Amino acid sequence: MTIISEQRRGGFLGVVERSWRKSGYEITSVNSSQRSPAIYAKSPDGFGIRLSIGGGGQAFFEVATPCVEKSAVADPTAATDGPNYAGGPIPRPDVHDDFWSAAAPPPPPA
C-alpha cells in the first residue's frame, strides 16, 4: 500500500531485479513504460513472476505456478497484519514513505 513516486519506480524495479537475479531468477522481459513499468521473471523452479507498478504508484506482485495437479487448499488460519481486501476492491495506495514516495531530488548545480 506504499505509494511509489514516478521518480522512484525505476529504482524500485532495479532493487527487485538485482535481488531476483541473485536468487537465480531469469529476467524474461522488462516494460520500461514511464506510467506503468514492469519486470517479468522465471524462478529456478518454473514459477512466472511479475512486478508491475499500477495506478497511483501501487506495486503489484503476481505469480503464476508451473503445471500442477488441482488440489484442495485450506483457508488461511492466521490473521492478516493489515487490512484484508479479499473479495473486494483493492484501494489505491495510501502509505507515504519518505524515500519511495518522494520525488527525486533535483540534480546538483553545474
C-alpha atoms as a PDB file:
ATOM      1  CA  MET A   1       0.000   0.000   0.000  1.00  0.00           C
ATOM      2  CA  THR A   2       3.079   2.258  -0.162  1.00  0.00           C
ATOM      3  CA  ILE A   3       2.962   4.971  -2.795  1.00  0.00           C
ATOM      4  CA  ILE A   4       5.951   4.654  -5.142  1.00  0.00           C
ATOM      5  CA  SER A   5       6.551   8.003  -6.811  1.00  0.00           C
ATOM      6  CA  GLU A   6       7.055   8.170 -10.562  1.00  0.00           C
ATOM      7  CA  GLN A   7      10.651   9.280  -9.964  1.00  0.00           C
ATOM      8  CA  ARG A   8      11.421   6.237  -7.752  1.00  0.00           C
ATOM      9  CA  ARG A   9       9.764   3.479  -9.807  1.00  0.00           C
ATOM     10  CA  GLY A  10      12.837   2.625 -11.876  1.00  0.00           C
ATOM     11  CA  GLY A  11      14.957   2.381  -8.734  1.00  0.00           C
ATOM     12  CA  PHE A  12      12.384   0.164  -7.042  1.00  0.00           C
ATOM     13  CA  LEU A  13      12.263  -2.190 -10.022  1.00  0.00           C
ATOM     14  CA  GLY A  14      16.072  -2.205 -10.135  1.00  0.00           C
ATOM     15  CA  VAL A  15      16.334  -3.277  -6.491  1.00  0.00           C
ATOM     16  CA  VAL A  16      13.894  -6.135  -7.116  1.00  0.00           C
ATOM     17  CA  GLU A  17      15.616  -7.172 -10.368  1.00  0.00           C
ATOM     18  CA  ARG A  18      19.016  -7.414  -8.646  1.00  0.00           C
ATOM     19  CA  SER A  19      17.503  -9.475  -5.841  1.00  0.00           C
ATOM     20  CA  TRP A  20      15.775 -11.819  -8.293  1.00  0.00           C
ATOM     21  CA  ARG A  21      18.967 -12.303 -10.328  1.00  0.00           C
ATOM     22  CA  LYS A  22      20.938 -13.003  -7.144  1.00  0.00           C
ATOM     23  CA  SER A  23      18.336 -15.665  -6.265  1.00  0.00           C
ATOM     24  CA  GLY A  24      18.785 -17.373  -9.650  1.00  0.00           C
ATOM     25  CA  TYR A  25      15.690 -15.971 -11.360  1.00  0.00           C
ATOM     26  CA  GLU A  26      15.811 -15.403 -15.120  1.00  0.00           C
ATOM     27  CA  ILE A  27      14.596 -11.969 -16.197  1.00  0.00           C
ATOM     28  CA  THR A  28      12.366 -12.699 -19.192  1.00  0.00           C
ATOM     29  CA  SER A  29      11.083  -9.231 -20.057  1.00  0.00           C
ATOM     30  CA  VAL A  30      11.075  -5.612 -18.942  1.00  0.00           C
ATOM     31  CA  ASN A  31       8.452  -2.978 -19.708  1.00  0.00           C
ATOM     32  CA  SER A  32      10.144   0.399 -19.298  1.00  0.00           C
ATOM     33  CA  SER A  33       6.922   2.422 -19.586  1.00  0.00           C
ATOM     34  CA  GLN A  34       7.114   5.620 -17.542  1.00  0.00           C
ATOM     35  CA  ARG A  35       3.481   5.265 -16.459  1.00  0.00           C
ATOM     36  CA  SER A  36       3.242   1.503 -15.744  1.00  0.00           C
ATOM     37  CA  PRO A  37       6.678  -0.138 -15.698  1.00  0.00           C
ATOM     38  CA  ALA A  38       7.000  -3.873 -15.086  1.00  0.00           C
ATOM     39  CA  ILE A  39       9.559  -6.644 -14.840  1.00  0.00           C
ATOM     40  CA  TYR A  40       8.923 -10.303 -15.619  1.00  0.00           C
ATOM     41  CA  ALA A  41      10.968 -13.252 -14.384  1.00  0.00           C
ATOM     42  CA  LYS A  42      11.024 -17.012 -14.107  1.00  0.00           C
ATOM     43  CA  SER A  43      12.125 -18.699 -10.888  1.00  0.00           C
ATOM     44  CA  PRO A  44      14.504 -21.683 -10.908  1.00  0.00           C
ATOM     45  CA  ASP A  45      11.537 -23.967 -10.161  1.00  0.00           C
ATOM     46  CA  GLY A  46       9.399 -22.633 -13.025  1.00  0.00           C
ATOM     47  CA  PHE A  47       7.186 -20.004 -11.419  1.00  0.00           C
ATOM     48  CA  GLY A  48       6.411 -16.952 -13.554  1.00  0.00           C
ATOM     49  CA  ILE A  49       6.656 -13.698 -11.601  1.00  0.00           C
ATOM     50  CA  ARG A  50       5.676 -10.163 -12.486  1.00  0.00           C
ATOM     51  CA  LEU A  51       6.194  -6.934 -10.606  1.00  0.00           C
ATOM     52  CA  SER A  52       4.266  -4.039 -12.082  1.00  0.00           C
ATOM     53  CA  ILE A  53       3.557  -0.511 -10.947  1.00  0.00           C
ATOM     54  CA  GLY A  54      -0.056   0.485 -11.423  1.00  0.00           C
ATOM     55  CA  GLY A  55      -2.252   3.476 -10.809  1.00  0.00           C
ATOM     56  CA  GLY A  56      -1.221   5.787  -8.012  1.00  0.00           C
ATOM     57  CA  GLY A  57       2.205   4.142  -7.810  1.00  0.00           C
ATOM     58  CA  GLN A  58       0.929   0.873  -6.344  1.00  0.00           C
ATOM     59  CA  ALA A  59       3.207  -2.166  -6.706  1.00  0.00           C
ATOM     60  CA  PHE A  60       1.638  -5.472  -7.747  1.00  0.00           C
ATOM     61  CA  PHE A  61       3.436  -8.811  -7.411  1.00  0.00           C
ATOM     62  CA  GLU A  62       1.830 -11.616  -9.379  1.00  0.00           C
ATOM     63  CA  VAL A  63       2.900 -15.246  -9.532  1.00  0.00           C
ATOM     64  CA  ALA A  64       1.894 -17.979 -11.968  1.00  0.00           C
ATOM     65  CA  THR A  65       2.588 -21.558 -10.973  1.00  0.00           C
ATOM     66  CA  PRO A  66       4.071 -24.156 -13.280  1.00  0.00           C
ATOM     67  CA  CYS A  67       1.752 -27.021 -14.209  1.00  0.00           C
ATOM     68  CA  VAL A  68       0.366 -28.702 -11.120  1.00  0.00           C
ATOM     69  CA  GLU A  69      -2.472 -31.008 -10.255  1.00  0.00           C
ATOM     70  CA  LYS A  70      -5.563 -29.398  -8.770  1.00  0.00           C
ATOM     71  CA  SER A  71      -5.889 -29.997  -5.043  1.00  0.00           C
ATOM     72  CA  ALA A  72      -7.908 -28.628  -2.162  1.00  0.00           C
ATOM     73  CA  VAL A  73      -6.350 -25.746  -0.290  1.00  0.00           C
ATOM     74  CA  ALA A  74      -7.441 -24.818   3.223  1.00  0.00           C
ATOM     75  CA  ASP A  75      -8.304 -21.247   4.079  1.00  0.00           C
ATOM     76  CA  PRO A  76      -5.557 -19.351   5.951  1.00  0.00           C
ATOM     77  CA  THR A  77      -5.655 -19.757   9.716  1.00  0.00           C
ATOM     78  CA  ALA A  78      -3.542 -16.701  10.627  1.00  0.00           C
ATOM     79  CA  ALA A  79      -4.966 -13.203  10.782  1.00  0.00           C
ATOM     80  CA  THR A  80      -3.567 -10.603   8.397  1.00  0.00           C
ATOM     81  CA  ASP A  81      -1.179  -7.947   9.701  1.00  0.00           C
ATOM     82  CA  GLY A  82      -3.083  -5.227   7.895  1.00  0.00           C
ATOM     83  CA  PRO A  83      -6.448  -4.742   6.236  1.00  0.00           C
ATOM     84  CA  ASN A  84      -7.841  -7.786   4.426  1.00  0.00           C
ATOM     85  CA  TYR A  85      -9.134  -6.808   0.985  1.00  0.00           C
ATOM     86  CA  ALA A  86     -10.101 -10.366  -0.031  1.00  0.00           C
ATOM     87  CA  GLY A  87     -13.258 -10.409  -2.116  1.00  0.00           C
ATOM     88  CA  GLY A  88     -13.436  -6.657  -2.523  1.00  0.00           C
ATOM     89  CA  PRO A  89     -11.820  -3.859  -4.492  1.00  0.00           C
ATOM     90  CA  ILE A  90      -8.181  -3.091  -3.770  1.00  0.00           C
ATOM     91  CA  PRO A  91      -7.881   0.584  -2.811  1.00  0.00           C
ATOM     92  CA  ARG A  92      -5.266   2.975  -4.133  1.00  0.00           C
ATOM     93  CA  PRO A  93      -2.006   3.059  -2.175  1.00  0.00           C
ATOM     94  CA  ASP A  94      -2.207   5.392   0.797  1.00  0.00           C
ATOM     95  CA  VAL A  95       1.024   4.905   2.754  1.00  0.00           C
ATOM     96  CA  HIS A  96       3.646   7.625   2.339  1.00  0.00           C
ATOM     97  CA  ASP A  97       7.286   6.592   2.682  1.00  0.00           C
ATOM     98  CA  ASP A  98       9.885   9.339   2.982  1.00  0.00           C
ATOM     99  CA  PHE A  99      12.081   7.665   0.336  1.00  0.00           C
ATOM    100  CA  TRP A 100       9.865   5.610  -2.029  1.00  0.00           C
ATOM    101  CA  SER A 101       7.049   8.164  -2.162  1.00  0.00           C
ATOM    102  CA  ALA A 102       9.299  11.204  -2.645  1.00  0.00           C
ATOM    103  CA  ALA A 103      10.158  12.935  -5.873  1.00  0.00           C
ATOM    104  CA  ALA A 104      13.804  12.527  -6.765  1.00  0.00           C
ATOM    105  CA  PRO A 105      15.934  15.467  -5.616  1.00  0.00           C
ATOM    106  CA  PRO A 106      16.959  17.953  -8.298  1.00  0.00           C
ATOM    107  CA  PRO A 107      20.417  17.477  -9.818  1.00  0.00           C
ATOM    108  CA  PRO A 108      23.246  19.488  -8.207  1.00  0.00           C
ATOM    109  CA  PRO A 109      24.008  22.840  -9.830  1.00  0.00           C
ATOM    110  CA  ALA A 110      26.545  22.700 -12.636  1.00  0.00           C
END
